[in-house]
Amino acid sequence: MQWEVLATDKAIDKTIGALNANGFDALVVETGEDAKKKVLEIIPKHAEVMPMTSVTLDTIGVSQAINDSGDYDSVRNKLNTMNREKQSSEMQKIGAAPEWAIGSVHAITEDGKVLIASNTGSQLPAYVYGSSHVIWIVGTQKIVSNVADATTRIYDYVLPLETKRARKAYNLPDTFHSNVSKLLIINKELVPHRITLIFVKEKFGY
């Protein structure tokens, strides 16, 4: 399937150049373990960090390193102790503006645009503006030619896989289908060094 094929070195270099020109700090590493090491090098110890829901983060162990090591102030752990019925407003505010937000994205174009699809939109405020620092870890199979291909990738490939993940994770019936309720396209980042994008030459996430 075309959406699972890792990008060539030429495509990676072209995309990194375009991302850098658009205000992102973009780089590439060889393996998921390399990506994990890079993330933990970048984030200061004891910093406030929100690992977003991400198959990529879970697979390479970043979520566990943030939430379980005791080396960081995990926003996810804090939210898990709160009562959504009584503290929903406070939880929204905490999740929208952590100091550091870590996650992944669903497609990146060779001309340096980043696309993120979401059903609830919970991760988007931090990515767009709320967090002072954002890190995305992205398998190079997510590099596409243009926004049209990125959109096709999201609807035809990512959405069915996310539906399967959600059914299993939340014990939902087979009739459940996830949605692309919100689709974010980031064309440019205006704050220097705010967003770091780490490409991995391995297939992680979807």
C-alpha atoms as a PDB file:
ATOM      1  CA  MET A   1       0.000   0.000   0.000  1.00  0.00           C
ATOM      2  CA  GLN A   2       1.422   3.366  -1.033  1.00  0.00           C
ATOM      3  CA  TRP A   3       0.684   4.997   2.314  1.00  0.00           C
ATOM      4  CA  GLU A   4       2.927   2.496   4.119  1.00  0.00           C
ATOM      5  CA  VAL A   5       6.035   2.952   1.965  1.00  0.00           C
ATOM      6  CA  LEU A   6       8.931   4.774   3.616  1.00  0.00           C
ATOM      7  CA  ALA A   7      10.063   7.900   1.775  1.00  0.00           C
ATOM      8  CA  THR A   8      13.319   7.986  -0.159  1.00  0.00           C
ATOM      9  CA  ASP A   9      16.291   9.937   1.176  1.00  0.00           C
ATOM     10  CA  LYS A  10      15.728  12.460  -1.618  1.00  0.00           C
ATOM     11  CA  ALA A  11      12.114  13.030  -0.560  1.00  0.00           C
ATOM     12  CA  ILE A  12      13.127  13.277   3.109  1.00  0.00           C
ATOM     13  CA  ASP A  13      15.802  15.868   2.365  1.00  0.00           C
ATOM     14  CA  LYS A  14      13.395  17.896   0.220  1.00  0.00           C
ATOM     15  CA  THR A  15      10.725  17.819   2.931  1.00  0.00           C
ATOM     16  CA  ILE A  16      13.139  18.776   5.719  1.00  0.00           C
ATOM     17  CA  GLY A  17      14.379  21.714   3.665  1.00  0.00           C
ATOM     18  CA  ALA A  18      10.824  22.917   3.077  1.00  0.00           C
ATOM     19  CA  LEU A  19       9.864  22.483   6.739  1.00  0.00           C
ATOM     20  CA  ASN A  20      12.917  24.424   7.886  1.00  0.00           C
ATOM     21  CA  ALA A  21      12.031  27.208   5.461  1.00  0.00           C
ATOM     22  CA  ASN A  22       8.509  27.261   6.936  1.00  0.00           C
ATOM     23  CA  GLY A  23       9.730  27.784  10.492  1.00  0.00           C
ATOM     24  CA  PHE A  24       9.923  24.217  11.792  1.00  0.00           C
ATOM     25  CA  ASP A  25      13.047  22.557  13.188  1.00  0.00           C
ATOM     26  CA  ALA A  26      13.110  19.293  11.228  1.00  0.00           C
ATOM     27  CA  LEU A  27      15.631  16.462  11.362  1.00  0.00           C
ATOM     28  CA  VAL A  28      15.843  12.743  10.634  1.00  0.00           C
ATOM     29  CA  VAL A  29      17.063   9.755  12.656  1.00  0.00           C
ATOM     30  CA  GLU A  30      17.429   6.110  11.732  1.00  0.00           C
ATOM     31  CA  THR A  31      15.396   4.257  14.361  1.00  0.00           C
ATOM     32  CA  GLY A  32      12.625   4.647  16.891  1.00  0.00           C
ATOM     33  CA  GLU A  33      15.148   4.218  19.685  1.00  0.00           C
ATOM     34  CA  ASP A  34      17.156   7.099  18.222  1.00  0.00           C
ATOM     35  CA  ALA A  35      14.002   9.230  18.162  1.00  0.00           C
ATOM     36  CA  LYS A  36      13.242   8.417  21.797  1.00  0.00           C
ATOM     37  CA  LYS A  37      16.777   9.350  22.849  1.00  0.00           C
ATOM     38  CA  LYS A  38      16.570  12.616  20.922  1.00  0.00           C
ATOM     39  CA  VAL A  39      13.253  13.563  22.564  1.00  0.00           C
ATOM     40  CA  LEU A  40      14.579  12.868  26.055  1.00  0.00           C
ATOM     41  CA  GLU A  41      17.706  14.896  25.264  1.00  0.00           C
ATOM     42  CA  ILE A  42      15.610  17.882  24.174  1.00  0.00           C
ATOM     43  CA  ILE A  43      13.123  18.003  27.057  1.00  0.00           C
ATOM     44  CA  PRO A  44      14.561  19.311  30.357  1.00  0.00           C
ATOM     45  CA  LYS A  45      14.131  17.068  33.384  1.00  0.00           C
ATOM     46  CA  HIS A  46      11.134  17.934  35.569  1.00  0.00           C
ATOM     47  CA  ALA A  47       9.506  19.915  32.736  1.00  0.00           C
ATOM     48  CA  GLU A  48       5.724  19.872  32.355  1.00  0.00           C
ATOM     49  CA  VAL A  49       5.029  17.473  29.465  1.00  0.00           C
ATOM     50  CA  MET A  50       1.834  16.258  27.792  1.00  0.00           C
ATOM     51  CA  PRO A  51       2.264  13.095  25.714  1.00  0.00           C
ATOM     52  CA  MET A  52      -0.712  13.106  23.362  1.00  0.00           C
ATOM     53  CA  THR A  53      -2.555   9.909  22.440  1.00  0.00           C
ATOM     54  CA  SER A  54      -0.269   8.442  19.785  1.00  0.00           C
ATOM     55  CA  VAL A  55       0.469   4.946  18.510  1.00  0.00           C
ATOM     56  CA  THR A  56       3.941   6.187  17.558  1.00  0.00           C
ATOM     57  CA  LEU A  57       4.768   7.443  21.061  1.00  0.00           C
ATOM     58  CA  ASP A  58       3.489   4.242  22.645  1.00  0.00           C
ATOM     59  CA  THR A  59       5.401   2.017  20.225  1.00  0.00           C
ATOM     60  CA  ILE A  60       8.805   3.606  20.779  1.00  0.00           C
ATOM     61  CA  GLY A  61       8.345   4.039  24.533  1.00  0.00           C
ATOM     62  CA  VAL A  62       8.173   7.819  24.793  1.00  0.00           C
ATOM     63  CA  SER A  63       4.783   7.829  26.546  1.00  0.00           C
ATOM     64  CA  GLN A  64       6.077   5.401  29.165  1.00  0.00           C
ATOM     65  CA  ALA A  65       9.293   7.383  29.668  1.00  0.00           C
ATOM     66  CA  ILE A  66       7.337  10.586  30.338  1.00  0.00           C
ATOM     67  CA  ASN A  67       4.530   9.106  32.412  1.00  0.00           C
ATOM     68  CA  ASP A  68       6.332   6.430  34.417  1.00  0.00           C
ATOM     69  CA  SER A  69       9.937   7.517  34.977  1.00  0.00           C
ATOM     70  CA  GLY A  70       9.299  10.245  37.531  1.00  0.00           C
ATOM     71  CA  ASP A  71      11.725  12.486  35.635  1.00  0.00           C
ATOM     72  CA  TYR A  72       8.972  14.713  34.231  1.00  0.00           C
ATOM     73  CA  ASP A  73       5.815  16.474  35.361  1.00  0.00           C
ATOM     74  CA  SER A  74       3.353  14.379  33.333  1.00  0.00           C
ATOM     75  CA  VAL A  75       0.171  16.245  32.430  1.00  0.00           C
ATOM     76  CA  ARG A  76      -1.359  12.930  31.356  1.00  0.00           C
ATOM     77  CA  ASN A  77      -0.883  11.540  34.865  1.00  0.00           C
ATOM     78  CA  LYS A  78      -2.419  14.678  36.348  1.00  0.00           C
ATOM     79  CA  LEU A  79      -5.470  14.467  34.085  1.00  0.00           C
ATOM     80  CA  ASN A  80      -5.950  10.792  34.977  1.00  0.00           C
ATOM     81  CA  THR A  81      -6.445  11.752  38.633  1.00  0.00           C
ATOM     82  CA  MET A  82      -9.172  14.306  37.881  1.00  0.00           C
ATOM     83  CA  ASN A  83     -12.950  13.882  37.674  1.00  0.00           C
ATOM     84  CA  ARG A  84     -14.178  14.684  34.178  1.00  0.00           C
ATOM     85  CA  GLU A  85     -17.757  15.299  35.322  1.00  0.00           C
ATOM     86  CA  LYS A  86     -16.750  17.821  37.985  1.00  0.00           C
ATOM     87  CA  GLN A  87     -13.488  19.236  36.560  1.00  0.00           C
ATOM     88  CA  SER A  88     -13.990  19.181  32.799  1.00  0.00           C
ATOM     89  CA  SER A  89     -13.302  22.906  32.342  1.00  0.00           C
ATOM     90  CA  GLU A  90     -10.083  22.752  34.349  1.00  0.00           C
ATOM     91  CA  MET A  91      -9.009  19.618  32.471  1.00  0.00           C
ATOM     92  CA  GLN A  92      -9.552  21.352  29.130  1.00  0.00           C
ATOM     93  CA  LYS A  93      -7.367  24.270  30.184  1.00  0.00           C
ATOM     94  CA  ILE A  94      -4.584  22.030  31.471  1.00  0.00           C
ATOM     95  CA  GLY A  95      -4.560  19.926  28.303  1.00  0.00           C
ATOM     96  CA  ALA A  96      -4.678  22.930  25.985  1.00  0.00           C
ATOM     97  CA  ALA A  97      -1.491  24.640  27.175  1.00  0.00           C
ATOM     98  CA  PRO A  98       1.137  22.306  28.631  1.00  0.00           C
ATOM     99  CA  GLU A  99       4.697  23.633  28.516  1.00  0.00           C
ATOM    100  CA  TRP A 100       5.743  20.750  26.269  1.00  0.00           C
ATOM    101  CA  ALA A 101       3.427  18.779  23.955  1.00  0.00           C
ATOM    102  CA  ILE A 102       4.630  15.584  22.279  1.00  0.00           C
ATOM    103  CA  GLY A 103       2.821  13.597  19.623  1.00  0.00           C
ATOM    104  CA  SER A 104       2.743  12.734  15.955  1.00  0.00           C
ATOM    105  CA  VAL A 105       0.960  13.871  12.803  1.00  0.00           C
ATOM    106  CA  HIS A 106      -0.849  12.154   9.939  1.00  0.00           C
ATOM    107  CA  ALA A 107       0.756  13.584   6.836  1.00  0.00           C
ATOM    108  CA  ILE A 108       3.514  15.979   5.802  1.00  0.00           C
ATOM    109  CA  THR A 109       3.877  17.386   2.311  1.00  0.00           C
ATOM    110  CA  GLU A 110       7.145  17.740   0.440  1.00  0.00           C
ATOM    111  CA  ASP A 111       6.612  21.503   0.372  1.00  0.00           C
ATOM    112  CA  GLY A 112       6.566  21.659   4.171  1.00  0.00           C
ATOM    113  CA  LYS A 113       2.934  21.564   5.303  1.00  0.00           C
ATOM    114  CA  VAL A 114       1.786  19.492   8.292  1.00  0.00           C
ATOM    115  CA  LEU A 115      -1.677  17.878   8.533  1.00  0.00           C
ATOM    116  CA  ILE A 116      -3.275  16.533  11.700  1.00  0.00           C
ATOM    117  CA  ALA A 117      -6.705  14.925  11.829  1.00  0.00           C
ATOM    118  CA  SER A 118      -8.718  14.629  15.026  1.00  0.00           C
ATOM    119  CA  ASN A 119     -12.123  13.471  16.188  1.00  0.00           C
ATOM    120  CA  THR A 120     -12.313  15.470  19.443  1.00  0.00           C
ATOM    121  CA  GLY A 121      -9.655  18.090  18.678  1.00  0.00           C
ATOM    122  CA  SER A 122      -8.169  17.723  22.167  1.00  0.00           C
ATOM    123  CA  GLN A 123      -4.550  17.811  20.991  1.00  0.00           C
ATOM    124  CA  LEU A 124      -4.933  20.698  18.563  1.00  0.00           C
ATOM    125  CA  PRO A 125      -4.895  23.767  20.882  1.00  0.00           C
ATOM    126  CA  ALA A 126      -1.469  22.825  22.247  1.00  0.00           C
ATOM    127  CA  TYR A 127      -0.091  22.239  18.761  1.00  0.00           C
ATOM    128  CA  VAL A 128      -1.486  25.432  17.269  1.00  0.00           C
ATOM    129  CA  TYR A 129      -0.595  27.903  20.013  1.00  0.00           C
ATOM    130  CA  GLY A 130      -0.978  26.745  23.610  1.00  0.00           C
ATOM    131  CA  SER A 131       2.324  24.940  24.162  1.00  0.00           C
ATOM    132  CA  SER A 132       5.641  26.768  24.229  1.00  0.00           C
ATOM    133  CA  HIS A 133       7.356  23.665  22.824  1.00  0.00           C
ATOM    134  CA  VAL A 134       6.003  20.975  20.500  1.00  0.00           C
ATOM    135  CA  ILE A 135       7.743  17.781  19.362  1.00  0.00           C
ATOM    136  CA  TRP A 136       6.374  15.461  16.678  1.00  0.00           C
ATOM    137  CA  ILE A 137       7.852  12.042  15.915  1.00  0.00           C
ATOM    138  CA  VAL A 138       6.915  10.913  12.419  1.00  0.00           C
ATOM    139  CA  GLY A 139       7.641   7.798  10.364  1.00  0.00           C
ATOM    140  CA  THR A 140       8.733   8.792   6.875  1.00  0.00           C
ATOM    141  CA  GLN A 141       5.874   6.834   5.305  1.00  0.00           C
ATOM    142  CA  LYS A 142       3.766   9.891   6.157  1.00  0.00           C
ATOM    143  CA  ILE A 143       5.580  12.105   3.648  1.00  0.00           C
ATOM    144  CA  VAL A 144       3.377  12.838   0.617  1.00  0.00           C
ATOM    145  CA  SER A 145       3.630  15.038  -2.454  1.00  0.00           C
ATOM    146  CA  ASN A 146       0.948  17.632  -1.701  1.00  0.00           C
ATOM    147  CA  VAL A 147      -2.096  18.537   0.388  1.00  0.00           C
ATOM    148  CA  ALA A 148      -4.447  16.605  -1.909  1.00  0.00           C
ATOM    149  CA  ASP A 149      -2.462  13.402  -1.335  1.00  0.00           C
ATOM    150  CA  ALA A 150      -2.260  14.175   2.381  1.00  0.00           C
ATOM    151  CA  THR A 151      -6.038  14.476   2.602  1.00  0.00           C
ATOM    152  CA  THR A 152      -6.510  11.227   0.682  1.00  0.00           C
ATOM    153  CA  ARG A 153      -4.077   9.499   3.013  1.00  0.00           C
ATOM    154  CA  ILE A 154      -6.023  10.677   6.050  1.00  0.00           C
ATOM    155  CA  TYR A 155      -9.478   9.661   4.834  1.00  0.00           C
ATOM    156  CA  ASP A 156      -8.623   6.453   2.985  1.00  0.00           C
ATOM    157  CA  TYR A 157      -5.864   5.068   5.202  1.00  0.00           C
ATOM    158  CA  VAL A 158      -5.629   6.740   8.619  1.00  0.00           C
ATOM    159  CA  LEU A 159      -9.334   6.957   9.427  1.00  0.00           C
ATOM    160  CA  PRO A 160     -10.142   3.220   9.087  1.00  0.00           C
ATOM    161  CA  LEU A 161      -7.116   2.324  11.214  1.00  0.00           C
ATOM    162  CA  GLU A 162      -8.077   4.857  13.872  1.00  0.00           C
ATOM    163  CA  THR A 163     -11.584   3.384  13.962  1.00  0.00           C
ATOM    164  CA  LYS A 164     -10.098  -0.072  14.668  1.00  0.00           C
ATOM    165  CA  ARG A 165      -7.796   1.336  17.345  1.00  0.00           C
ATOM    166  CA  ALA A 166     -10.599   3.206  19.105  1.00  0.00           C
ATOM    167  CA  ARG A 167     -12.911   0.172  19.079  1.00  0.00           C
ATOM    168  CA  LYS A 168     -10.243  -1.920  20.784  1.00  0.00           C
ATOM    169  CA  ALA A 169      -8.928   0.748  23.159  1.00  0.00           C
ATOM    170  CA  TYR A 170     -12.339   1.886  24.426  1.00  0.00           C
ATOM    171  CA  ASN A 171     -14.281  -1.385  24.016  1.00  0.00           C
ATOM    172  CA  LEU A 172     -16.620   0.151  21.466  1.00  0.00           C
ATOM    173  CA  PRO A 173     -19.052  -1.808  19.262  1.00  0.00           C
ATOM    174  CA  ASP A 174     -18.332  -2.691  15.629  1.00  0.00           C
ATOM    175  CA  THR A 175     -20.894  -0.081  14.616  1.00  0.00           C
ATOM    176  CA  PHE A 176     -18.600   2.694  15.916  1.00  0.00           C
ATOM    177  CA  HIS A 177     -16.760   4.750  13.312  1.00  0.00           C
ATOM    178  CA  SER A 178     -14.302   7.506  14.106  1.00  0.00           C
ATOM    179  CA  ASN A 179     -14.461  10.842  12.314  1.00  0.00           C
ATOM    180  CA  VAL A 180     -12.212  13.496  10.889  1.00  0.00           C
ATOM    181  CA  SER A 181     -14.163  16.083  12.854  1.00  0.00           C
ATOM    182  CA  LYS A 182     -11.293  18.555  12.722  1.00  0.00           C
ATOM    183  CA  LEU A 183      -8.513  18.750  10.148  1.00  0.00           C
ATOM    184  CA  LEU A 184      -5.596  21.041  10.958  1.00  0.00           C
ATOM    185  CA  ILE A 185      -3.144  22.235   8.314  1.00  0.00           C
ATOM    186  CA  ILE A 186      -0.100  24.090   9.590  1.00  0.00           C
ATOM    187  CA  ASN A 187       1.530  25.941   6.729  1.00  0.00           C
ATOM    188  CA  LYS A 188       4.111  27.813   8.768  1.00  0.00           C
ATOM    189  CA  GLU A 189       5.338  28.287  12.337  1.00  0.00           C
ATOM    190  CA  LEU A 190       6.065  31.893  13.278  1.00  0.00           C
ATOM    191  CA  VAL A 191       7.852  31.307  16.594  1.00  0.00           C
ATOM    192  CA  PRO A 192      11.457  30.203  16.001  1.00  0.00           C
ATOM    193  CA  HIS A 193      12.359  26.761  17.414  1.00  0.00           C
ATOM    194  CA  ARG A 194       8.877  26.231  18.872  1.00  0.00           C
ATOM    195  CA  ILE A 195       8.116  23.075  16.860  1.00  0.00           C
ATOM    196  CA  THR A 196      10.604  20.245  16.365  1.00  0.00           C
ATOM    197  CA  LEU A 197       9.751  17.468  13.919  1.00  0.00           C
ATOM    198  CA  ILE A 198      11.771  14.254  14.113  1.00  0.00           C
ATOM    199  CA  PHE A 199      11.484  11.945  11.106  1.00  0.00           C
ATOM    200  CA  VAL A 200      12.243   8.262  11.665  1.00  0.00           C
ATOM    201  CA  LYS A 201      13.342   5.949   8.857  1.00  0.00           C
ATOM    202  CA  GLU A 202      11.065   3.245  10.230  1.00  0.00           C
ATOM    203  CA  LYS A 203       7.317   2.724   9.939  1.00  0.00           C
ATOM    204  CA  PHE A 204       5.642   3.868  13.133  1.00  0.00           C
ATOM    205  CA  GLY A 205       2.004   4.719  13.683  1.00  0.00           C
ATOM    206  CA  TYR A 206      -0.308   5.477  10.787  1.00  0.00           C
END
